[in-house]
Protein backbone atom coordinates (compact mmCIF):
# COMPACT_ATOMS: atom_id res chain seq x y z
CA MET A 1 2.23 -18.16 -1.23
CA ARG A 2 -2.01 -17.91 -0.97
CA GLY A 3 -2.89 -21.45 -1.60
CA ILE A 4 -6.73 -22.27 -2.38
CA GLU A 5 -9.39 -21.48 0.33
CA GLU A 6 -13.26 -23.34 -0.07
CA LEU A 7 -15.72 -20.78 -0.18
CA PRO A 8 -18.76 -21.37 2.44
CA VAL A 9 -21.53 -23.32 0.51
CA PRO A 10 -23.64 -19.98 -1.35
CA ALA A 11 -27.20 -19.70 0.43
CA ALA A 12 -28.41 -20.90 -3.55
CA VAL A 13 -26.56 -21.70 -6.44
CA ARG A 14 -28.02 -20.48 -10.25
CA MET A 15 -26.31 -22.03 -12.87
CA PRO A 16 -26.80 -20.77 -16.35
CA VAL A 17 -28.84 -23.35 -18.85
CA GLY A 18 -29.83 -21.29 -21.89
CA ARG A 19 -31.44 -17.97 -22.44
CA ALA A 20 -34.28 -16.59 -21.20
CA ASP A 21 -36.13 -16.48 -24.52
CA LYS A 22 -35.81 -20.07 -25.32
CA PRO A 23 -37.75 -23.00 -24.33
CA SER A 24 -36.32 -24.56 -20.56
CA PRO A 25 -33.77 -27.68 -21.61
CA ILE A 26 -34.29 -28.92 -17.91
CA ALA A 27 -37.71 -29.55 -18.72
CA SER A 28 -37.43 -33.13 -17.82
CA LEU A 29 -36.39 -32.35 -14.35
CA PRO A 30 -38.99 -32.13 -11.65
CA GLU A 31 -38.91 -29.20 -9.19
CA GLU A 32 -37.45 -30.61 -5.68
CA ALA A 33 -35.51 -33.17 -7.13
CA PRO A 34 -32.29 -33.82 -5.62
CA LEU A 35 -29.37 -33.32 -7.21
CA ALA A 36 -25.47 -34.59 -6.77
CA ALA A 37 -22.52 -32.19 -7.40
CA GLY A 38 -21.53 -32.65 -11.10
CA GLN A 39 -24.86 -34.34 -12.55
CA VAL A 40 -26.24 -33.56 -15.86
CA LEU A 41 -29.15 -30.89 -16.04
CA CYS A 42 -29.06 -30.90 -19.15
CA THR A 43 -27.28 -31.26 -22.58
CA PRO A 44 -27.66 -28.72 -25.58
CA GLU A 45 -27.75 -30.42 -29.00
CA GLY A 46 -23.94 -30.61 -30.32
CA ASP A 47 -22.12 -28.44 -26.93
CA VAL A 48 -20.74 -30.21 -23.46
CA PRO A 49 -23.52 -30.69 -20.62
CA VAL A 50 -24.85 -28.34 -18.06
CA VAL A 51 -23.95 -29.76 -14.91
CA SER A 52 -25.08 -28.83 -11.34
CA PRO A 53 -21.96 -27.41 -9.89
CA ILE A 54 -23.05 -28.45 -6.59
CA SER A 55 -24.73 -31.41 -4.24
CA GLY A 56 -28.54 -29.53 -3.54
CA ILE A 57 -32.35 -29.58 -4.39
CA LEU A 58 -33.72 -27.93 -7.85
CA GLU A 59 -35.95 -25.15 -6.99
CA GLY A 60 -36.64 -24.51 -10.61
CA THR A 61 -35.53 -22.09 -13.14
CA VAL A 62 -35.09 -18.22 -12.48
CA VAL A 63 -34.90 -15.86 -15.21
CA MET A 64 -31.90 -13.45 -14.52
CA GLN A 65 -30.73 -9.98 -16.68
CA ASN A 66 -27.20 -10.04 -16.09
CA SER A 67 -25.03 -6.83 -17.10
CA LEU A 68 -22.49 -9.10 -18.88
CA TYR A 69 -24.06 -12.31 -20.32
CA GLY A 70 -27.77 -10.51 -20.86
CA SER A 71 -31.33 -12.61 -19.97
CA LEU A 72 -30.05 -15.63 -18.69
CA LEU A 73 -32.34 -18.72 -17.72
CA CYS A 74 -30.99 -20.39 -15.08
CA ALA A 75 -31.64 -23.49 -12.39
CA ASP A 76 -31.90 -22.51 -9.12
CA ILE A 77 -30.37 -25.16 -7.01
CA GLN A 78 -30.62 -25.07 -2.90
CA PRO A 79 -27.07 -26.76 -1.17
CA GLU A 80 -27.89 -29.91 0.70
CA GLY A 81 -25.57 -32.92 1.12
CA GLU A 82 -22.75 -34.14 -0.40
CA ARG A 83 -23.85 -36.25 -3.44
CA THR A 84 -21.49 -37.02 -6.28
CA ASP A 85 -21.87 -38.07 -9.46
CA LEU A 86 -18.94 -39.80 -11.40
CA LEU A 87 -17.89 -40.59 -14.76
CA PRO A 88 -16.72 -44.21 -14.89
CA VAL A 89 -12.26 -44.09 -14.55
CA ILE A 90 -10.76 -45.69 -17.72
CA PRO A 91 -7.47 -47.21 -17.48
CA GLU A 92 -4.59 -45.42 -19.19
CA ASP A 93 -3.27 -47.64 -21.17
CA GLU A 94 -7.18 -47.06 -23.02
CA LEU A 95 -7.04 -43.44 -23.23
CA THR A 96 -7.05 -42.99 -26.84
CA ALA A 97 -7.64 -39.54 -28.51
CA SER A 98 -10.77 -39.97 -29.44
CA VAL A 99 -11.52 -41.46 -25.73
CA ILE A 100 -10.02 -38.03 -24.25
CA LEU A 101 -12.09 -35.91 -26.34
CA ASP A 102 -15.09 -37.61 -25.17
CA ILE A 103 -14.25 -37.37 -21.77
CA ALA A 104 -13.39 -33.87 -21.79
CA ARG A 105 -16.61 -33.11 -23.19
CA GLU A 106 -18.81 -35.13 -20.81
CA ALA A 107 -17.09 -33.86 -17.89
CA ALA A 108 -17.82 -29.97 -18.91
CA VAL A 109 -13.98 -29.37 -19.32
CA TYR A 110 -13.43 -25.93 -19.76
CA ASP A 111 -10.67 -23.66 -20.59
CA GLU A 112 -10.20 -20.68 -18.07
CA LEU A 113 -8.42 -18.72 -20.74
CA ASP A 114 -11.18 -18.03 -23.16
CA GLY A 115 -14.03 -19.55 -21.00
CA SER A 116 -14.71 -22.05 -24.41
CA PRO A 117 -15.22 -25.74 -23.89
CA LEU A 118 -11.79 -27.82 -23.71
CA TRP A 119 -12.91 -30.76 -26.15
CA GLN A 120 -13.81 -27.75 -29.20
CA LYS A 121 -10.41 -26.63 -29.13
CA LEU A 122 -8.29 -29.92 -28.60
CA GLN A 123 -10.73 -31.62 -31.32
CA ARG A 124 -9.99 -27.94 -33.89
CA TRP A 125 -6.70 -28.53 -32.99
CA GLN A 126 -5.89 -32.61 -33.49
CA LEU A 127 -3.78 -33.54 -35.76
CA PRO A 128 -4.03 -36.41 -38.57
CA GLU A 129 -2.28 -40.21 -37.00
CA ASN A 130 1.57 -40.17 -38.56
CA ASP A 131 1.44 -36.38 -39.19
CA PRO A 132 5.26 -35.19 -38.86
CA ALA A 133 4.24 -32.06 -37.48
CA ALA A 134 3.01 -33.57 -34.52
CA LYS A 135 6.98 -34.34 -33.80
CA THR A 136 7.50 -30.65 -33.63
CA CYS A 137 4.59 -29.04 -32.11
CA ILE A 138 4.20 -27.73 -28.79
CA LEU A 139 1.05 -27.80 -26.23
CA VAL A 140 1.82 -25.62 -23.51
CA ALA A 141 -0.06 -25.44 -20.31
CA ASP A 142 -0.19 -21.50 -19.50
CA ALA A 143 0.11 -21.09 -15.69
CA THR A 144 1.84 -17.14 -16.05
CA GLU A 145 -0.39 -14.83 -14.30
CA ASN A 146 -1.70 -12.25 -16.43
CA ASP A 147 -2.27 -9.82 -13.23
CA VAL A 148 0.50 -8.66 -10.67
CA TYR A 149 -2.51 -9.75 -8.14
CA GLY A 150 -2.84 -12.99 -9.23
CA SER A 151 -2.45 -16.11 -8.03
CA SER A 152 -4.49 -18.45 -9.13
CA ALA A 153 -2.38 -21.01 -11.63
CA TRP A 154 0.03 -20.81 -8.85
CA ALA A 155 -1.78 -22.20 -6.51
CA VAL A 156 -3.09 -25.15 -8.89
CA LEU A 157 0.51 -26.08 -9.64
CA MET A 158 0.98 -26.12 -5.71
CA GLU A 159 -1.91 -27.90 -4.77
CA GLN A 160 -2.22 -30.74 -7.22
CA PRO A 161 1.20 -30.40 -9.80
CA ARG A 162 1.33 -33.97 -10.66
CA LEU A 163 -2.58 -34.45 -11.86
CA ALA A 164 -2.63 -31.13 -13.75
CA LEU A 165 0.57 -32.72 -15.57
CA PHE A 166 -1.12 -35.78 -16.46
CA GLY A 167 -4.22 -33.89 -17.33
CA LEU A 168 -1.57 -31.66 -20.22
CA GLN A 169 -0.27 -35.49 -21.63
CA MET A 170 -3.09 -36.83 -22.21
CA ALA A 171 -4.39 -33.56 -23.77
CA ALA A 172 -1.37 -34.02 -25.52
CA ARG A 173 -2.22 -37.14 -26.60
CA ALA A 174 -5.47 -36.24 -27.52
CA LEU A 175 -3.86 -34.00 -30.23
CA ARG A 176 -1.07 -36.33 -30.89
CA PHE A 177 1.59 -34.00 -30.16
CA SER A 178 5.06 -35.34 -28.77
CA ARG A 179 5.92 -32.37 -27.19
CA TYR A 180 4.72 -30.37 -24.16
CA HIS A 181 5.04 -28.28 -20.94
CA ILE A 182 4.02 -26.25 -18.25
CA ALA A 183 5.13 -22.01 -18.94
CA THR A 184 4.97 -20.27 -15.82
CA MET A 185 6.74 -16.73 -14.34
CA LEU A 186 8.08 -17.77 -11.20
CA PRO A 187 10.38 -16.75 -8.81
CA LYS A 188 13.89 -19.09 -8.53
CA ARG A 189 12.82 -21.11 -5.51
CA ARG A 190 9.31 -21.61 -5.90
CA ARG A 191 10.66 -22.60 -9.80
CA ARG A 192 12.77 -25.15 -8.08
CA THR A 193 10.21 -26.60 -6.45
CA LEU A 194 7.60 -26.99 -9.15
CA LYS A 195 10.70 -28.45 -10.95
CA ARG A 196 11.21 -31.03 -7.94
CA ALA A 197 7.63 -32.18 -8.26
CA ILE A 198 6.93 -32.91 -12.29
CA GLY A 199 10.39 -33.20 -13.82
CA ARG A 200 12.78 -29.91 -15.49
CA GLU A 201 12.00 -30.46 -18.61
CA ASN A 202 8.17 -30.29 -18.07
CA VAL A 203 8.09 -26.37 -16.75
CA TYR A 204 9.51 -23.47 -19.08
CA THR A 205 9.75 -20.20 -17.47
CA VAL A 206 8.57 -17.22 -19.74
CA GLY A 207 9.77 -13.44 -19.67
CA ASP A 208 9.38 -11.62 -17.08
CA GLU A 209 7.13 -8.87 -19.49
CA TYR A 210 3.27 -8.45 -19.77
CA PRO A 211 1.55 -9.86 -21.50
CA VAL A 212 3.08 -12.84 -22.19
CA THR A 213 3.93 -13.41 -26.19
CA VAL A 214 6.96 -15.88 -25.33
CA TYR A 215 5.59 -19.76 -24.04
CA ALA A 216 8.51 -21.96 -26.04
CA ASP A 217 11.54 -21.74 -27.53
CA GLY A 218 12.38 -20.62 -31.33
CA ASP A 219 10.10 -20.19 -33.90
CA THR A 220 7.88 -23.66 -32.81
CA GLU A 221 4.19 -23.88 -33.07
CA VAL A 222 2.48 -23.30 -30.00
CA TYR A 223 -0.86 -24.36 -29.21
CA ARG A 224 -2.23 -23.14 -25.27
CA ILE A 225 -4.28 -23.96 -22.58
CA GLY A 226 -5.28 -22.94 -19.21
CA ILE A 227 -3.56 -24.96 -16.49
CA GLN A 228 -7.07 -25.22 -14.90
CA ALA A 229 -8.15 -27.01 -17.54
CA CYS A 230 -5.06 -29.51 -17.73
CA LEU A 231 -5.81 -30.50 -13.68
CA ALA A 232 -9.62 -30.72 -14.61
CA LEU A 233 -9.15 -33.09 -17.33
CA GLY A 234 -6.61 -34.98 -15.24
CA ARG A 235 -9.40 -35.21 -12.09
CA ALA A 236 -12.31 -35.85 -14.91
CA LEU A 237 -9.76 -38.82 -16.34
CA LYS A 238 -8.19 -40.31 -12.70
CA GLN A 239 -11.30 -39.61 -10.40
CA GLY A 240 -14.08 -39.50 -12.71
CA LEU A 241 -14.95 -35.62 -11.50
CA ARG A 242 -16.50 -33.50 -13.67
CA HIS A 243 -15.73 -29.65 -13.51
CA THR A 244 -17.99 -27.94 -11.16
CA ALA A 245 -15.95 -24.70 -10.23
CA ALA A 246 -13.29 -22.63 -11.01
CA ILE A 247 -10.44 -21.14 -8.99
CA VAL A 248 -10.68 -17.49 -8.57
CA THR A 249 -8.09 -15.34 -6.89
CA VAL A 250 -10.04 -12.12 -5.21
CA ALA A 251 -7.98 -9.62 -4.42
CA GLY A 252 -7.53 -5.31 -4.39
CA ASP A 253 -7.92 -2.35 -2.18
CA GLY A 254 -11.18 -3.44 -1.19
CA VAL A 255 -10.78 -6.66 0.60
CA PRO A 256 -8.56 -7.10 3.75
CA ALA A 257 -6.11 -10.15 2.01
CA ALA A 258 -5.83 -11.55 -1.42
CA ARG A 259 -6.69 -15.06 -1.42
CA ASN A 260 -7.31 -18.05 -3.64
CA MET A 261 -10.79 -19.26 -3.37
CA ARG A 262 -12.48 -22.48 -4.89
CA VAL A 263 -16.10 -21.49 -6.34
CA PRO A 264 -18.84 -23.31 -7.69
CA PHE A 265 -20.08 -22.33 -11.31
CA GLY A 266 -23.12 -20.92 -10.53
CA THR A 267 -22.12 -18.86 -7.43
CA ASP A 268 -22.48 -14.93 -7.49
CA LEU A 269 -20.31 -11.65 -7.31
CA ARG A 270 -21.95 -11.57 -3.83
CA ALA A 271 -21.37 -14.56 -1.87
CA LEU A 272 -17.67 -14.66 -3.09
CA LEU A 273 -16.97 -10.74 -2.23
CA SER A 274 -19.05 -11.32 1.01
CA ALA A 275 -17.27 -14.52 1.91
CA CYS A 276 -13.52 -12.63 1.48
CA GLN A 277 -14.52 -9.73 3.55
CA ALA A 278 -15.24 -6.95 1.17
CA GLU A 279 -16.00 -3.96 1.63
CA SER A 280 -19.37 -2.45 1.06
CA HIS A 281 -19.45 -0.84 -2.03
CA VAL A 282 -16.99 -1.80 -4.02
CA LEU A 283 -16.35 -2.29 -7.43
CA PRO A 284 -15.63 -5.68 -8.71
CA ILE A 285 -13.48 -6.21 -11.72
CA LEU A 286 -13.47 -9.66 -13.59
CA GLY A 287 -9.46 -10.23 -14.74
CA ASP A 288 -6.68 -8.38 -14.28
CA ALA A 289 -6.41 -4.36 -13.76
CA MET A 290 -5.58 -2.98 -17.50
CA THR A 291 -7.93 -5.43 -19.08
CA GLY A 292 -10.55 -6.61 -16.96
CA VAL A 293 -13.99 -5.90 -17.37
CA ALA A 294 -16.13 -3.30 -14.96
CA CYS A 295 -18.94 -4.90 -13.05
CA ASP A 296 -21.68 -3.66 -10.48
CA ASP A 297 -24.42 -6.21 -10.75
CA LEU A 298 -23.21 -8.60 -8.00
CA GLN A 299 -25.51 -11.05 -8.76
CA THR A 300 -23.17 -12.16 -11.93
CA PRO A 301 -22.34 -15.92 -11.50
CA ILE A 302 -18.86 -16.89 -11.47
CA LEU A 303 -18.27 -18.85 -14.91
CA PRO A 304 -15.65 -21.09 -16.42
CA GLY A 305 -12.87 -17.91 -18.07
CA VAL A 306 -12.91 -15.55 -14.49
CA THR A 307 -9.57 -16.52 -12.51
CA THR A 308 -9.34 -13.01 -10.94
CA VAL A 309 -12.17 -10.80 -9.15
CA LEU A 310 -10.38 -7.48 -8.56
CA ALA A 311 -12.34 -5.34 -5.57
CA MET A 312 -11.39 -1.78 -5.83
CA LYS A 313 -12.69 1.09 -3.95
CA PRO A 314 -14.33 3.89 -5.89
CA ARG A 315 -11.54 5.96 -7.61
CA PRO A 316 -11.85 9.90 -8.43
CA ILE A 317 -12.95 10.29 -12.03
CA ARG A 318 -9.72 11.82 -13.73
CA VAL A 319 -10.16 14.02 -15.77
CA PRO A 320 -7.82 13.46 -19.32
CA LYS A 321 -5.01 16.17 -20.16
CA PRO A 322 -3.17 16.87 -23.38
CA CYS A 323 -0.28 14.68 -23.69
CA ILE A 324 3.23 15.70 -22.28
CA GLY A 325 5.52 13.39 -24.60
CA CYS A 326 6.72 11.41 -21.48
CA GLY A 327 7.37 8.97 -24.05
CA ARG A 328 6.44 6.19 -21.17
CA CYS A 329 3.66 4.64 -23.70
CA ALA A 330 6.34 3.84 -26.49
CA ALA A 331 8.79 2.48 -23.40
CA VAL A 332 6.04 -0.48 -22.42
CA CYS A 333 3.96 -1.02 -25.37
CA HIS A 334 5.22 -4.56 -26.41
CA ALA A 335 4.62 -4.13 -30.09
CA GLY A 336 7.24 -1.49 -30.53
CA LEU A 337 4.96 1.07 -31.22
CA LEU A 338 5.31 5.05 -30.85
CA PRO A 339 1.57 5.70 -29.13
CA TYR A 340 2.19 8.84 -28.27
CA GLU A 341 3.20 9.73 -31.67
CA ILE A 342 0.19 7.59 -33.64
CA VAL A 343 -2.60 9.86 -31.49
CA ARG A 344 -0.65 13.02 -32.54
CA ARG A 345 -1.04 12.30 -36.18
CA ALA A 346 -4.54 11.48 -35.80
CA GLU A 347 -5.29 14.40 -33.83
CA ASN A 348 -3.66 16.60 -36.07
CA MET A 349 -5.88 14.51 -38.91
CA HIS A 350 -2.62 13.23 -40.54
CA TYR A 351 -4.14 10.45 -41.45
CA GLU A 352 -1.78 9.67 -44.71
CA ARG A 353 1.13 9.37 -42.72
CA LEU A 354 -0.57 7.04 -40.19
CA GLN A 355 0.05 3.81 -41.87
CA HIS A 356 4.11 3.99 -41.57
CA LEU A 357 3.60 4.21 -37.63
CA SER A 358 1.51 0.47 -37.84
CA PRO A 359 -1.00 1.58 -35.45
CA GLY A 360 -2.92 -1.61 -36.51
CA ASP A 361 -0.32 -3.47 -35.19
CA CYS A 362 -1.72 -2.61 -31.41
CA ASP A 363 -3.62 -5.17 -29.76
CA GLY A 364 -5.41 -3.14 -26.77
CA CYS A 365 -3.50 -4.69 -23.88
CA ALA A 366 -4.44 -1.30 -22.48
CA VAL A 367 -0.31 -1.17 -20.38
CA CYS A 368 0.11 2.19 -22.44
CA SER A 369 -3.25 3.74 -20.74
CA TYR A 370 -2.22 2.11 -17.92
CA VAL A 371 1.08 4.19 -17.53
CA CYS A 372 0.17 7.98 -19.03
CA PRO A 373 0.50 9.86 -16.92
CA ALA A 374 -2.03 12.78 -18.41
CA GLY A 375 -4.62 10.01 -17.82
CA ARG A 376 -5.68 9.64 -21.07
CA ASP A 377 -6.79 5.68 -22.57
CA VAL A 378 -3.90 5.99 -25.23
CA ALA A 379 -5.05 2.02 -26.03
CA ALA A 380 -8.35 3.22 -27.18
CA GLU A 381 -6.70 5.77 -29.16
CA VAL A 382 -4.24 4.41 -31.38
CA LEU A 383 -6.97 1.13 -32.22
CA LYS A 384 -9.41 4.23 -33.75
CA ALA A 385 -6.24 5.68 -35.16
CA GLY A 386 -5.78 2.17 -36.91
CA GLU A 387 -9.37 1.98 -38.25
CA THR A 388 -8.85 4.90 -40.21
CA LYS A 389 -6.09 2.89 -42.16
CA GLY A 390 -4.78 6.35 -44.35
CA THR A 391 -7.97 7.37 -44.62
CA MET A 392 -9.62 10.48 -43.23
CA PHE A 393 -13.37 10.00 -42.39
CA LEU A 394 -15.96 12.86 -41.50
CA ASN A 395 -19.04 12.33 -39.79
CA TRP A 396 -21.45 14.51 -40.25
CA GLY A 397 -24.28 14.14 -37.54
CA GLU A 398 -27.53 12.53 -38.86
CA ASP A 399 -26.32 12.31 -42.63
CA ASP A 400 -25.46 8.79 -43.05
CA ASN A 401 -23.20 9.32 -45.79
CA GLU A 402 -19.01 9.94 -44.91
């Protein structure tokens, strides 16, 4: 199993601090200012601080046009030295729910599941004191992989399982939950190793399915955060370290071998792919193979929410062919739909019959598109059919009337 490698220090890190059409929020810091890793650059009102991911020199700000995030104002940081700015470490018995939330915010901990600040999610889910629901709700650290290529979650558990578990325990304390566990999808041998390290009661094995939909037994209400977020919270509470890097799996046929890299936020794709010896002219995909986003802009920075980068060689464009009725799309649909039948009725404009096939239950996971031998984007067609809601829409070109 692949461990975590340190990314060589890039030539520069460009950390987004705001939108390009707004005044710079780091105007108070002079150019050529020395920065420590984890030092606060600015704190947008009501948001988490923006911190320097590396130790270096602030060269000013640059505006970057990004295909995913639009026009960004970024702090241009040139690496230098090994300084680290630390938070105060508070004894564990003094870590109340409000203190844990404050530290999660000050440490700029983000949840890799959706790229959102962890403290905001925990604050939104927090239960009042003595709420009986606290005994039944479960907080789950999601350490499953969203892609067959991915291994970043397991790499985190292999490297620091106890610290990640501590972060999960403290997040549960912030919510006032009494139940929590780490959800994994691991072979038996690795599962036994993890259980020996953190205890059997703290590990839950999910079914072998994609996408994962069950994270606990029964009808228990489940709240989910990422395993990297748990580790970042644990490091903030135990070591005073702010969240400055992501663990990213780089895989695909455009690299010699898959690797897990610790990547400072703000590092661009070009530096990451170069460190992994990617071939020229590869197409990077941020996310998993079926629902990831193709990104040909190599200046795109690695930000919270990126756990997998697939470097893929160019593929010939497939011309969609008629449905052959093989039924593969129905066999893999986790929602139990009949995608081929939904598409057939939509193509024949039998809109009034679509509602009985429940196309609105499709969540767009795109597994049906992936397995389709005819090369059709089945998921997109099912989603479009779901929008009709049993009604036929006609678009008359320039006429806005439908």
